[in-house]
Amino acid sequence: MKNRILYTTTVMFIAVVILQVSCATPKYVTEKSGAQLWGESCVRCHNIASPATFSDVQWDVAVKHMEFRAQLTKEEAEKIVEFLKSAN
């Protein structure tokens, strides 16, 4: 019984560690600025608009929508919104 509990605990611990490592944000994302991510992610499908084109609220909505469509991570989307609001 003790061996089974030890085995189960060990397997669960390893699974949690693997899950945490796999969910970490890739290094290439953390090193990029919001402006870089905006240019790389948005220019693929859109003409680059001036950040002043939309209000802060409109950028929140647009980037939230594009987070799904452009497959942006939450961190990428946050950096892009932060850049757009600062340049707005």
Protein backbone atom coordinates (compact mmCIF):
# COMPACT_ATOMS: atom_id res chain seq x y z
CA MET A 1 0.00 0.00 0.00
CA LYS A 2 2.83 2.41 0.87
CA ASN A 3 4.53 1.66 -2.44
CA ARG A 4 1.35 2.38 -4.34
CA ILE A 5 0.87 5.73 -2.59
CA LEU A 6 4.52 6.64 -3.19
CA TYR A 7 4.25 5.64 -6.85
CA THR A 8 1.03 7.64 -7.35
CA THR A 9 2.48 10.69 -5.62
CA THR A 10 5.64 10.53 -7.72
CA VAL A 11 3.71 10.19 -10.97
CA MET A 12 1.46 13.12 -10.04
CA PHE A 13 4.46 15.28 -9.14
CA ILE A 14 6.18 14.53 -12.45
CA ALA A 15 2.96 15.27 -14.35
CA VAL A 16 2.59 18.65 -12.62
CA VAL A 17 6.21 19.57 -13.38
CA ILE A 18 5.81 18.62 -17.04
CA LEU A 19 2.58 20.61 -17.26
CA GLN A 20 4.18 23.72 -15.77
CA VAL A 21 7.16 23.55 -18.10
CA SER A 22 4.99 23.03 -21.17
CA CYS A 23 2.80 26.02 -20.29
CA ALA A 24 5.71 28.44 -19.94
CA THR A 25 5.82 31.30 -22.41
CA PRO A 26 8.46 30.73 -25.07
CA LYS A 27 11.62 32.79 -24.68
CA TYR A 28 11.23 34.40 -28.11
CA VAL A 29 7.96 35.98 -26.98
CA THR A 30 9.27 37.40 -23.72
CA GLU A 31 12.18 39.09 -25.50
CA LYS A 32 10.01 40.89 -28.07
CA SER A 33 8.42 44.26 -27.52
CA GLY A 34 4.77 45.00 -28.15
CA ALA A 35 5.74 47.01 -31.24
CA GLN A 36 7.67 44.05 -32.69
CA LEU A 37 4.83 41.64 -32.00
CA TRP A 38 2.32 44.09 -33.49
CA GLY A 39 4.36 44.48 -36.65
CA GLU A 40 4.99 40.76 -37.06
CA SER A 41 1.52 39.53 -36.13
CA CYS A 42 -0.75 42.13 -37.67
CA VAL A 43 1.04 42.89 -40.93
CA ARG A 44 0.50 39.31 -42.10
CA CYS A 45 -3.14 40.07 -42.83
CA HIS A 46 -3.65 43.83 -42.41
CA ASN A 47 -2.15 47.07 -43.55
CA ILE A 48 -0.54 48.53 -40.46
CA ALA A 49 -2.86 51.16 -39.03
CA SER A 50 -1.68 54.01 -36.85
CA PRO A 51 -2.21 53.28 -33.15
CA ALA A 52 -4.23 56.52 -33.06
CA THR A 53 -6.77 54.98 -35.46
CA PHE A 54 -8.73 53.45 -32.57
CA SER A 55 -9.38 54.34 -28.94
CA ASP A 56 -7.97 52.27 -26.08
CA VAL A 57 -11.29 50.46 -25.67
CA GLN A 58 -11.48 49.70 -29.39
CA TRP A 59 -7.92 48.31 -29.36
CA ASP A 60 -8.84 46.10 -26.39
CA VAL A 61 -11.74 44.63 -28.37
CA ALA A 62 -9.80 44.30 -31.63
CA VAL A 63 -6.80 42.58 -30.04
CA LYS A 64 -9.04 40.29 -27.97
CA HIS A 65 -10.76 39.25 -31.20
CA MET A 66 -7.44 38.75 -32.98
CA GLU A 67 -5.96 36.83 -30.03
CA PHE A 68 -8.12 33.93 -31.18
CA ARG A 69 -7.98 34.51 -34.94
CA ALA A 70 -4.22 35.13 -35.15
CA GLN A 71 -3.48 32.54 -32.47
CA LEU A 72 -1.73 35.03 -30.21
CA THR A 73 -0.79 33.99 -26.71
CA LYS A 74 -2.24 35.98 -23.83
CA GLU A 75 1.18 37.52 -23.18
CA GLU A 76 1.59 38.52 -26.84
CA ALA A 77 -1.86 40.13 -26.88
CA GLU A 78 -1.14 42.01 -23.64
CA LYS A 79 2.14 43.36 -25.01
CA ILE A 80 0.47 44.46 -28.24
CA VAL A 81 -2.37 46.23 -26.40
CA GLU A 82 0.11 47.90 -24.05
CA PHE A 83 2.07 49.21 -27.03
CA LEU A 84 -1.02 50.41 -28.88
CA LYS A 85 -2.35 52.23 -25.83
CA SER A 86 0.99 53.90 -25.14
CA ALA A 87 1.26 55.05 -28.77
CA ASN A 88 -2.39 56.10 -28.95
